[in-house]
N, C-alpha and C. Protein backbone atom coordinates (compact mmCIF):
# COMPACT_ATOMS: atom_id res chain seq x y z
N MET A 1 63.61 67.92 80.64
CA MET A 1 63.24 67.00 81.69
C MET A 1 61.78 66.60 81.58
N ARG A 2 60.90 67.61 81.34
CA ARG A 2 59.48 67.30 81.21
C ARG A 2 59.22 66.40 80.02
N SER A 3 59.97 66.62 78.93
CA SER A 3 59.76 65.78 77.75
C SER A 3 60.18 64.33 78.03
N CYS A 4 61.24 64.15 78.82
CA CYS A 4 61.67 62.79 79.19
C CYS A 4 60.61 62.10 80.03
N ILE A 5 60.03 62.84 80.98
CA ILE A 5 58.97 62.27 81.83
C ILE A 5 57.76 61.92 80.97
N ALA A 6 57.41 62.77 80.02
CA ALA A 6 56.28 62.52 79.14
C ALA A 6 56.52 61.27 78.29
N VAL A 7 57.73 61.13 77.78
CA VAL A 7 58.07 59.95 76.97
C VAL A 7 57.96 58.68 77.80
N VAL A 8 58.50 58.73 79.02
CA VAL A 8 58.43 57.57 79.91
C VAL A 8 56.98 57.24 80.24
N LEU A 9 56.18 58.25 80.54
CA LEU A 9 54.77 58.04 80.88
C LEU A 9 54.01 57.43 79.71
N VAL A 10 54.21 57.96 78.51
CA VAL A 10 53.55 57.41 77.31
C VAL A 10 54.00 55.97 77.07
N THR A 11 55.29 55.71 77.23
CA THR A 11 55.81 54.35 77.04
C THR A 11 55.18 53.39 78.03
N VAL A 12 55.10 53.77 79.29
CA VAL A 12 54.51 52.90 80.32
C VAL A 12 53.04 52.65 80.02
N LEU A 13 52.32 53.70 79.65
CA LEU A 13 50.91 53.53 79.33
C LEU A 13 50.71 52.63 78.12
N CYS A 14 51.51 52.82 77.08
CA CYS A 14 51.40 51.99 75.87
C CYS A 14 51.73 50.54 76.18
N CYS A 15 52.77 50.32 76.97
CA CYS A 15 53.13 48.94 77.33
C CYS A 15 52.03 48.29 78.14
N GLY A 16 51.41 49.08 79.02
CA GLY A 16 50.29 48.55 79.80
C GLY A 16 49.15 48.10 78.93
N PHE A 17 48.83 48.90 77.91
CA PHE A 17 47.77 48.51 76.98
C PHE A 17 48.17 47.28 76.17
N CYS A 18 49.42 47.22 75.74
CA CYS A 18 49.90 46.07 74.97
C CYS A 18 49.82 44.79 75.80
N LEU A 19 50.24 44.87 77.05
CA LEU A 19 50.21 43.70 77.91
C LEU A 19 48.78 43.28 78.24
N ALA A 20 47.89 44.24 78.34
CA ALA A 20 46.50 43.93 78.64
C ALA A 20 45.87 43.16 77.49
N ASP A 21 46.30 43.43 76.26
CA ASP A 21 45.75 42.77 75.09
C ASP A 21 46.50 41.50 74.70
N ALA A 22 47.58 41.19 75.41
CA ALA A 22 48.37 40.02 75.08
C ALA A 22 47.54 38.76 75.31
N PRO A 23 47.67 37.77 74.43
CA PRO A 23 46.89 36.54 74.60
C PRO A 23 47.30 35.81 75.87
N LYS A 24 46.35 35.18 76.50
CA LYS A 24 46.60 34.37 77.69
C LYS A 24 46.64 32.91 77.25
N LEU A 25 47.71 32.23 77.57
CA LEU A 25 47.87 30.84 77.19
C LEU A 25 47.47 29.92 78.33
N ASP A 26 46.83 28.82 77.99
CA ASP A 26 46.50 27.81 78.99
C ASP A 26 47.75 27.04 79.36
N LYS A 27 47.70 26.39 80.49
CA LYS A 27 48.80 25.54 80.93
C LYS A 27 48.94 24.39 79.93
N GLY A 28 50.16 24.03 79.62
CA GLY A 28 50.42 22.94 78.67
C GLY A 28 49.96 21.59 79.20
N VAL A 29 49.70 20.68 78.30
CA VAL A 29 49.31 19.32 78.66
C VAL A 29 50.22 18.34 77.93
N ARG A 30 50.40 17.19 78.51
CA ARG A 30 51.17 16.14 77.84
C ARG A 30 50.23 15.34 76.96
N ILE A 31 50.61 15.13 75.73
CA ILE A 31 49.82 14.32 74.81
C ILE A 31 50.26 12.88 74.96
N GLU A 32 49.29 11.98 75.00
CA GLU A 32 49.59 10.57 75.21
C GLU A 32 49.40 9.74 73.95
N ALA A 33 50.15 8.66 73.87
CA ALA A 33 50.00 7.63 72.83
C ALA A 33 50.09 6.29 73.55
N ASN A 34 49.18 5.40 73.26
CA ASN A 34 49.10 4.10 73.94
C ASN A 34 49.00 4.27 75.45
N GLY A 35 48.32 5.33 75.92
CA GLY A 35 48.07 5.53 77.34
C GLY A 35 49.24 6.09 78.13
N ALA A 36 50.33 6.46 77.47
CA ALA A 36 51.49 7.03 78.17
C ALA A 36 51.90 8.33 77.47
N PRO A 37 52.45 9.29 78.22
CA PRO A 37 52.88 10.54 77.59
C PRO A 37 53.90 10.29 76.49
N ILE A 38 53.76 11.03 75.39
CA ILE A 38 54.74 10.93 74.31
C ILE A 38 56.05 11.50 74.84
N ASP A 39 57.10 10.69 74.79
CA ASP A 39 58.40 11.10 75.32
C ASP A 39 59.43 10.93 74.21
N ILE A 40 60.03 12.02 73.82
CA ILE A 40 61.04 12.01 72.77
C ILE A 40 62.40 12.23 73.41
N GLU A 41 63.44 11.61 72.86
CA GLU A 41 64.78 11.66 73.44
C GLU A 41 65.32 13.07 73.60
N ILE A 42 65.07 13.93 72.66
CA ILE A 42 65.60 15.28 72.72
C ILE A 42 64.52 16.25 72.27
N GLY A 43 64.54 17.45 72.80
CA GLY A 43 63.51 18.44 72.52
C GLY A 43 63.51 18.94 71.09
N HIS A 44 63.04 20.14 70.92
CA HIS A 44 62.93 20.78 69.61
C HIS A 44 61.97 20.02 68.71
N LEU A 45 60.79 19.77 69.19
CA LEU A 45 59.78 19.05 68.41
C LEU A 45 58.97 20.02 67.57
N VAL A 46 58.49 19.52 66.45
CA VAL A 46 57.62 20.30 65.57
C VAL A 46 56.36 19.47 65.33
N PRO A 47 55.30 19.68 66.13
CA PRO A 47 54.07 18.90 65.96
C PRO A 47 53.11 19.54 64.97
N ASP A 48 52.28 18.72 64.36
CA ASP A 48 51.22 19.21 63.48
C ASP A 48 50.07 18.22 63.54
N ALA A 49 48.85 18.72 63.60
CA ALA A 49 47.66 17.87 63.58
C ALA A 49 47.07 17.92 62.18
N VAL A 50 47.00 16.76 61.54
CA VAL A 50 46.52 16.69 60.16
C VAL A 50 45.89 15.31 59.93
N ASP A 51 44.87 15.25 59.09
CA ASP A 51 44.27 13.96 58.75
C ASP A 51 45.19 13.26 57.76
N PHE A 52 46.17 12.56 58.27
CA PHE A 52 47.22 11.96 57.44
C PHE A 52 46.70 10.81 56.59
N ASN A 53 45.82 9.97 57.15
CA ASN A 53 45.38 8.77 56.43
C ASN A 53 43.99 8.89 55.81
N GLY A 54 43.39 10.09 55.83
CA GLY A 54 42.12 10.32 55.15
C GLY A 54 40.90 9.70 55.81
N ASP A 55 40.97 9.40 57.13
CA ASP A 55 39.83 8.80 57.81
C ASP A 55 38.92 9.83 58.48
N GLY A 56 39.20 11.14 58.27
CA GLY A 56 38.37 12.19 58.84
C GLY A 56 38.78 12.61 60.25
N ARG A 57 39.80 11.97 60.82
CA ARG A 57 40.28 12.33 62.17
C ARG A 57 41.69 12.89 62.07
N LYS A 58 41.97 13.92 62.85
CA LYS A 58 43.31 14.51 62.82
C LYS A 58 44.30 13.63 63.56
N ASP A 59 45.36 13.28 62.85
CA ASP A 59 46.45 12.49 63.41
C ASP A 59 47.54 13.47 63.85
N LEU A 60 48.54 12.97 64.55
CA LEU A 60 49.63 13.81 65.03
C LEU A 60 50.91 13.43 64.30
N VAL A 61 51.51 14.42 63.63
CA VAL A 61 52.79 14.23 62.96
C VAL A 61 53.80 15.08 63.73
N VAL A 62 54.91 14.45 64.16
CA VAL A 62 55.88 15.15 64.99
C VAL A 62 57.27 15.04 64.37
N GLY A 63 57.84 16.19 64.02
CA GLY A 63 59.22 16.23 63.57
C GLY A 63 60.12 16.32 64.79
N GLN A 64 61.22 15.60 64.77
CA GLN A 64 62.12 15.55 65.91
C GLN A 64 63.51 16.01 65.49
N PHE A 65 64.12 16.85 66.31
CA PHE A 65 65.44 17.40 66.01
C PHE A 65 66.50 16.30 65.88
N LYS A 66 66.54 15.38 66.83
CA LYS A 66 67.56 14.34 66.81
C LYS A 66 67.37 13.43 65.60
N GLU A 67 68.36 13.32 64.79
CA GLU A 67 68.38 12.44 63.61
C GLU A 67 67.33 12.81 62.57
N GLY A 68 66.63 13.92 62.74
CA GLY A 68 65.66 14.38 61.75
C GLY A 68 64.49 13.45 61.54
N CYS A 69 64.15 12.67 62.55
CA CYS A 69 63.06 11.69 62.45
C CYS A 69 61.70 12.38 62.45
N ILE A 70 60.76 11.85 61.67
CA ILE A 70 59.38 12.32 61.64
C ILE A 70 58.51 11.15 62.05
N ARG A 71 57.75 11.32 63.13
CA ARG A 71 56.92 10.23 63.65
C ARG A 71 55.45 10.55 63.41
N LEU A 72 54.68 9.49 63.15
CA LEU A 72 53.24 9.59 62.92
C LEU A 72 52.51 8.85 64.02
N TYR A 73 51.56 9.55 64.65
CA TYR A 73 50.69 8.96 65.67
C TYR A 73 49.27 9.00 65.13
N LEU A 74 48.73 7.84 64.75
CA LEU A 74 47.38 7.78 64.19
C LEU A 74 46.34 7.94 65.30
N ASN A 75 45.27 8.67 65.00
CA ASN A 75 44.20 8.95 65.95
C ASN A 75 43.10 7.91 65.80
N GLU A 76 42.83 7.17 66.87
CA GLU A 76 41.74 6.19 66.87
C GLU A 76 40.51 6.73 67.58
N GLY A 77 40.60 7.96 68.12
CA GLY A 77 39.47 8.59 68.80
C GLY A 77 38.78 9.56 67.87
N THR A 78 38.45 10.72 68.40
CA THR A 78 37.83 11.79 67.62
C THR A 78 38.73 13.01 67.68
N ASP A 79 38.39 14.03 66.90
CA ASP A 79 39.17 15.27 66.99
C ASP A 79 39.00 15.92 68.36
N ALA A 80 37.80 15.82 68.95
CA ALA A 80 37.54 16.41 70.26
C ALA A 80 38.20 15.62 71.39
N ALA A 81 38.30 14.31 71.22
CA ALA A 81 38.92 13.44 72.25
C ALA A 81 39.83 12.43 71.54
N PRO A 82 41.00 12.89 71.10
CA PRO A 82 41.90 12.01 70.34
C PRO A 82 42.48 10.88 71.20
N VAL A 83 42.68 9.74 70.56
CA VAL A 83 43.35 8.59 71.18
C VAL A 83 44.42 8.18 70.17
N PHE A 84 45.68 8.47 70.49
CA PHE A 84 46.76 8.21 69.55
C PHE A 84 47.40 6.85 69.78
N LYS A 85 47.67 6.14 68.67
CA LYS A 85 48.41 4.88 68.71
C LYS A 85 49.89 5.21 68.89
N GLU A 86 50.68 4.18 69.11
CA GLU A 86 52.13 4.37 69.23
C GLU A 86 52.68 4.98 67.95
N GLY A 87 53.60 5.91 68.09
CA GLY A 87 54.18 6.59 66.94
C GLY A 87 55.13 5.69 66.16
N LYS A 88 55.09 5.87 64.86
CA LYS A 88 55.99 5.12 63.97
C LYS A 88 56.69 6.11 63.05
N PRO A 89 57.95 5.86 62.73
CA PRO A 89 58.66 6.75 61.80
C PRO A 89 57.98 6.73 60.43
N LEU A 90 57.89 7.90 59.80
CA LEU A 90 57.35 7.96 58.44
C LEU A 90 58.34 7.33 57.47
N GLU A 91 57.80 6.63 56.48
CA GLU A 91 58.64 5.97 55.48
C GLU A 91 58.16 6.32 54.07
N ALA A 92 59.09 6.25 53.15
CA ALA A 92 58.80 6.39 51.71
C ALA A 92 59.64 5.33 51.00
N ALA A 93 58.99 4.53 50.18
CA ALA A 93 59.68 3.46 49.44
C ALA A 93 60.47 2.56 50.38
N GLY A 94 59.88 2.28 51.57
CA GLY A 94 60.54 1.37 52.52
C GLY A 94 61.69 1.97 53.32
N GLN A 95 61.95 3.25 53.13
CA GLN A 95 63.05 3.91 53.85
C GLN A 95 62.48 4.95 54.82
N VAL A 96 63.06 5.00 56.01
CA VAL A 96 62.64 6.01 57.00
C VAL A 96 63.01 7.39 56.48
N ILE A 97 62.05 8.30 56.53
CA ILE A 97 62.29 9.68 56.10
C ILE A 97 63.02 10.42 57.21
N LYS A 98 64.13 11.05 56.87
CA LYS A 98 64.89 11.85 57.83
C LYS A 98 65.25 13.17 57.18
N LEU A 99 65.15 14.22 57.99
CA LEU A 99 65.53 15.55 57.51
C LEU A 99 66.69 16.05 58.34
N ASP A 100 67.77 16.43 57.69
CA ASP A 100 68.93 16.95 58.38
C ASP A 100 68.64 18.29 59.01
N ALA A 101 69.15 18.49 60.22
CA ALA A 101 68.99 19.78 60.90
C ALA A 101 69.91 20.80 60.24
N GLY A 102 69.47 22.05 60.28
CA GLY A 102 70.31 23.13 59.79
C GLY A 102 69.93 23.54 58.47
């Protein structure tokens, strides 16, 4: 019985330390393009910030679950205060790039 209590006590103490060190996340924000929140038809988005066009500013590339579409939002602001243009599907050789789910 004492060993069970000791195990429970150690577990509670360890969990307390783990939770105390857990990262604290800020509240989420909606990212805007053309002055309106980016709204995608279906969830499961995969965003990435990368200087896509080589202008020194990070653009937003968003993979979308529905139809495997990849959209590019070019940044006309700065990295600290981005201003994204309307998103356009990525293309290669004139064809929209799509990645199948699964």
